[in-house]
Each structure stands twice: as structure tokens, then as C-alpha cells.
Amino acid sequence: MEGPNAPWRFIMWYRNETAILALWHRPHPDGICSHYQILYQEVETFNEDSRTKVVTNKIVVNELFPGRNYSLSVSAISNSIESEPTITSIATKPASPSIEVLQPIPAGFIASWKSDVTSRQEKIYSCLY
């Protein structure tokens, strides 16, 4: 018995620094797909920490760490047969740094901030005034 085709056009939107909304198109040609399996895991870790969820048409992935890279895959499932996964990688948005000191001085100001300690992205900041 042949399995379903893979979902296509996997699209993600950031909801905030720790959550994304994932959508996809049904397998083409439109076949007999009853549900989808989502697998997501952090790319840089080697502790085999991953999460699998079964959904019907979309998913909000919560509890992601800001500033980390994740791999997400979605597979169509029909009669307990799984399609090849459609895979994408995303980088969650880093959390905004929190301002600790903002002090005016003659002809300017002094600013210092605290960065997100859980982020694994480079610590590059820009200051607009």
C-alpha cells in the first residue's frame, strides 16, 4: 500500500519570541490524509530532545527558547502510513534586551542593558535614538 504524498508549502509566522504558527498545504493531489504529525527539535543540541504532536490542519508551537534554531517537519498520515516529511528550519527571534541604566549626561546619555541569557545567537545590538 502506498502512503500519502508529503504536505507542501510549509509556512511559519512568528507569534512572539517563544511561539510560531505553522501552516501547510494538503498533499497534492488532494488525497486521503486524515491528520499530520509535527516533529520539532532544537538544532544545536545533541540530547535528542524533540517533541512530536499530531494535528489536523495547523499548529501553534509554544515553549521555544528565544534566539535558538529549530528544525520542524510535517508528515501526512493516512491509514497509519506516514508520508515523507516536509522539513524546514527556523530561528526564533531573540528576546529584546532589558535596559538597566539610561542616564542623561551633557550632550548625550549613558545606556546599559542586559541581554537574553538563553539566546544562542550572536550578541550584536543596535541603538537608535
C-alpha atoms as a PDB file:
ATOM      1  CA  MET A   1       0.000   0.000   0.000  1.00  0.00           C
ATOM      2  CA  GLU A   2       1.372   3.389  -0.991  1.00  0.00           C
ATOM      3  CA  GLY A   3       1.433   6.184   1.588  1.00  0.00           C
ATOM      4  CA  PRO A   4       0.153   9.740   1.194  1.00  0.00           C
ATOM      5  CA  ASN A   5       2.126  12.458  -0.548  1.00  0.00           C
ATOM      6  CA  ALA A   6       4.032  14.929   1.609  1.00  0.00           C
ATOM      7  CA  PRO A   7       2.446  18.251   2.600  1.00  0.00           C
ATOM      8  CA  TRP A   8       3.837  21.233   0.749  1.00  0.00           C
ATOM      9  CA  ARG A   9       4.320  24.988   1.121  1.00  0.00           C
ATOM     10  CA  PHE A  10       5.213  24.866   4.793  1.00  0.00           C
ATOM     11  CA  ILE A  11       4.727  28.436   6.129  1.00  0.00           C
ATOM     12  CA  MET A  12       5.529  29.829   9.565  1.00  0.00           C
ATOM     13  CA  TRP A  13       4.740  33.118  11.292  1.00  0.00           C
ATOM     14  CA  TYR A  14       6.266  34.371  14.495  1.00  0.00           C
ATOM     15  CA  ARG A  15       3.674  34.942  17.199  1.00  0.00           C
ATOM     16  CA  ASN A  16       6.282  36.209  19.681  1.00  0.00           C
ATOM     17  CA  GLU A  17       9.808  35.283  20.788  1.00  0.00           C
ATOM     18  CA  THR A  18       8.745  31.819  22.011  1.00  0.00           C
ATOM     19  CA  ALA A  19       5.926  30.743  19.672  1.00  0.00           C
ATOM     20  CA  ILE A  20       5.266  30.286  15.960  1.00  0.00           C
ATOM     21  CA  LEU A  21       2.192  29.424  13.917  1.00  0.00           C
ATOM     22  CA  ALA A  22       2.878  26.692  11.350  1.00  0.00           C
ATOM     23  CA  LEU A  23       0.629  26.133   8.323  1.00  0.00           C
ATOM     24  CA  TRP A  24       0.939  23.949   5.235  1.00  0.00           C
ATOM     25  CA  HIS A  25      -0.988  22.882   2.171  1.00  0.00           C
ATOM     26  CA  ARG A  26      -2.577  19.475   1.944  1.00  0.00           C
ATOM     27  CA  PRO A  27      -0.662  16.887  -0.082  1.00  0.00           C
ATOM     28  CA  HIS A  28      -1.134  17.253  -3.819  1.00  0.00           C
ATOM     29  CA  PRO A  29      -3.077  15.723  -5.419  1.00  0.00           C
ATOM     30  CA  ASP A  30      -5.625  16.092  -2.652  1.00  0.00           C
ATOM     31  CA  GLY A  31      -5.676  12.589  -1.256  1.00  0.00           C
ATOM     32  CA  ILE A  32      -6.860  10.689   1.718  1.00  0.00           C
ATOM     33  CA  CYS A  33      -4.968  12.328   4.561  1.00  0.00           C
ATOM     34  CA  SER A  34      -6.557  12.081   7.994  1.00  0.00           C
ATOM     35  CA  HIS A  35      -4.043  14.040  10.079  1.00  0.00           C
ATOM     36  CA  TYR A  36      -0.475  15.325  10.283  1.00  0.00           C
ATOM     37  CA  GLN A  37       2.477  14.633  12.507  1.00  0.00           C
ATOM     38  CA  ILE A  38       4.685  17.551  13.574  1.00  0.00           C
ATOM     39  CA  LEU A  39       8.188  16.990  14.906  1.00  0.00           C
ATOM     40  CA  TYR A  40      10.248  19.887  16.234  1.00  0.00           C
ATOM     41  CA  GLN A  41      13.625  19.945  17.902  1.00  0.00           C
ATOM     42  CA  GLU A  42      16.445  22.316  18.653  1.00  0.00           C
ATOM     43  CA  VAL A  43      19.171  22.067  16.007  1.00  0.00           C
ATOM     44  CA  GLU A  44      22.288  22.654  18.113  1.00  0.00           C
ATOM     45  CA  THR A  45      21.539  20.262  20.971  1.00  0.00           C
ATOM     46  CA  PHE A  46      22.625  16.662  20.882  1.00  0.00           C
ATOM     47  CA  ASN A  47      20.455  15.412  23.722  1.00  0.00           C
ATOM     48  CA  GLU A  48      17.769  14.027  21.371  1.00  0.00           C
ATOM     49  CA  ASP A  49      15.245  16.430  22.928  1.00  0.00           C
ATOM     50  CA  SER A  50      12.345  16.611  20.500  1.00  0.00           C
ATOM     51  CA  ARG A  51       8.574  16.912  20.597  1.00  0.00           C
ATOM     52  CA  THR A  52       6.013  15.234  18.383  1.00  0.00           C
ATOM     53  CA  LYS A  53       2.390  16.321  18.037  1.00  0.00           C
ATOM     54  CA  VAL A  54      -0.488  15.041  15.912  1.00  0.00           C
ATOM     55  CA  VAL A  55      -2.802  17.714  14.497  1.00  0.00           C
ATOM     56  CA  THR A  56      -5.470  18.105  11.825  1.00  0.00           C
ATOM     57  CA  ASN A  57      -4.544  21.291   9.938  1.00  0.00           C
ATOM     58  CA  LYS A  58      -2.235  23.767  11.742  1.00  0.00           C
ATOM     59  CA  ILE A  59      -0.282  24.138  14.952  1.00  0.00           C
ATOM     60  CA  VAL A  60       0.965  26.828  17.283  1.00  0.00           C
ATOM     61  CA  VAL A  61       4.351  25.702  18.562  1.00  0.00           C
ATOM     62  CA  ASN A  62       4.930  27.176  22.025  1.00  0.00           C
ATOM     63  CA  GLU A  63       7.659  26.907  24.613  1.00  0.00           C
ATOM     64  CA  LEU A  64      10.521  27.603  22.217  1.00  0.00           C
ATOM     65  CA  PHE A  65      13.598  29.353  23.584  1.00  0.00           C
ATOM     66  CA  PRO A  66      14.251  32.837  22.156  1.00  0.00           C
ATOM     67  CA  GLY A  67      17.247  33.122  19.856  1.00  0.00           C
ATOM     68  CA  ARG A  68      17.644  29.388  19.181  1.00  0.00           C
ATOM     69  CA  ASN A  69      17.444  27.404  15.948  1.00  0.00           C
ATOM     70  CA  TYR A  70      14.832  24.695  15.480  1.00  0.00           C
ATOM     71  CA  SER A  71      14.036  22.112  12.839  1.00  0.00           C
ATOM     72  CA  LEU A  72      10.351  21.455  12.150  1.00  0.00           C
ATOM     73  CA  SER A  73       8.908  18.727   9.972  1.00  0.00           C
ATOM     74  CA  VAL A  74       5.363  17.855   8.999  1.00  0.00           C
ATOM     75  CA  SER A  75       4.237  14.490   7.609  1.00  0.00           C
ATOM     76  CA  ALA A  76       0.810  13.495   6.285  1.00  0.00           C
ATOM     77  CA  ILE A  77      -0.701  10.370   7.817  1.00  0.00           C
ATOM     78  CA  SER A  78      -3.333   8.163   6.210  1.00  0.00           C
ATOM     79  CA  ASN A  79      -4.351   4.707   7.475  1.00  0.00           C
ATOM     80  CA  SER A  80      -1.334   4.691   9.831  1.00  0.00           C
ATOM     81  CA  ILE A  81       1.041   5.234   6.896  1.00  0.00           C
ATOM     82  CA  GLU A  82       3.269   8.296   7.109  1.00  0.00           C
ATOM     83  CA  SER A  83       4.463  10.387   4.162  1.00  0.00           C
ATOM     84  CA  GLU A  84       7.971  11.681   3.686  1.00  0.00           C
ATOM     85  CA  PRO A  85       8.388  14.749   5.915  1.00  0.00           C
ATOM     86  CA  THR A  86       8.464  18.314   4.685  1.00  0.00           C
ATOM     87  CA  ILE A  87      11.280  19.902   6.681  1.00  0.00           C
ATOM     88  CA  THR A  88      12.177  23.487   7.418  1.00  0.00           C
ATOM     89  CA  SER A  89      14.467  25.209   9.871  1.00  0.00           C
ATOM     90  CA  ILE A  90      13.688  28.379  11.740  1.00  0.00           C
ATOM     91  CA  ALA A  91      15.499  30.679  14.098  1.00  0.00           C
ATOM     92  CA  THR A  92      13.352  32.118  16.848  1.00  0.00           C
ATOM     93  CA  LYS A  93      13.575  35.842  17.397  1.00  0.00           C
ATOM     94  CA  PRO A  94      15.935  36.839  20.178  1.00  0.00           C
ATOM     95  CA  ALA A  95      14.284  38.396  23.193  1.00  0.00           C
ATOM     96  CA  SER A  96      14.737  42.139  23.466  1.00  0.00           C
ATOM     97  CA  PRO A  97      17.405  43.219  25.926  1.00  0.00           C
ATOM     98  CA  SER A  98      16.200  44.964  29.048  1.00  0.00           C
ATOM     99  CA  ILE A  99      17.503  48.464  29.748  1.00  0.00           C
ATOM    100  CA  GLU A 100      19.259  48.626  33.104  1.00  0.00           C
ATOM    101  CA  VAL A 101      20.643  52.189  33.026  1.00  0.00           C
ATOM    102  CA  LEU A 102      19.538  55.124  30.907  1.00  0.00           C
ATOM    103  CA  GLN A 103      21.206  58.233  32.302  1.00  0.00           C
ATOM    104  CA  PRO A 104      21.387  61.659  30.641  1.00  0.00           C
ATOM    105  CA  ILE A 105      24.753  63.369  30.513  1.00  0.00           C
ATOM    106  CA  PRO A 106      25.803  66.648  28.837  1.00  0.00           C
ATOM    107  CA  ALA A 107      25.430  66.195  25.053  1.00  0.00           C
ATOM    108  CA  GLY A 108      24.199  62.595  25.270  1.00  0.00           C
ATOM    109  CA  PHE A 109      23.286  59.702  27.538  1.00  0.00           C
ATOM    110  CA  ILE A 110      24.719  56.546  29.063  1.00  0.00           C
ATOM    111  CA  ALA A 111      22.856  53.312  28.390  1.00  0.00           C
ATOM    112  CA  SER A 112      23.470  49.765  29.558  1.00  0.00           C
ATOM    113  CA  TRP A 113      21.337  46.679  29.079  1.00  0.00           C
ATOM    114  CA  LYS A 114      21.063  43.039  29.998  1.00  0.00           C
ATOM    115  CA  SER A 115      20.778  40.524  27.178  1.00  0.00           C
ATOM    116  CA  ASP A 116      18.778  37.318  26.977  1.00  0.00           C
ATOM    117  CA  VAL A 117      20.983  34.629  28.537  1.00  0.00           C
ATOM    118  CA  THR A 118      19.179  31.727  26.815  1.00  0.00           C
ATOM    119  CA  SER A 119      19.865  33.002  23.288  1.00  0.00           C
ATOM    120  CA  ARG A 120      22.425  31.149  21.220  1.00  0.00           C
ATOM    121  CA  GLN A 121      22.615  33.829  18.546  1.00  0.00           C
ATOM    122  CA  GLU A 122      25.386  36.397  18.281  1.00  0.00           C
ATOM    123  CA  LYS A 123      25.184  39.265  20.732  1.00  0.00           C
ATOM    124  CA  ILE A 124      25.035  42.151  18.267  1.00  0.00           C
ATOM    125  CA  TYR A 125      22.971  45.183  19.205  1.00  0.00           C
ATOM    126  CA  SER A 126      21.989  48.445  17.580  1.00  0.00           C
ATOM    127  CA  CYS A 127      20.983  51.602  19.380  1.00  0.00           C
ATOM    128  CA  LEU A 128      18.620  54.035  17.677  1.00  0.00           C
ATOM    129  CA  TYR A 129      17.986  57.447  19.197  1.00  0.00           C
END
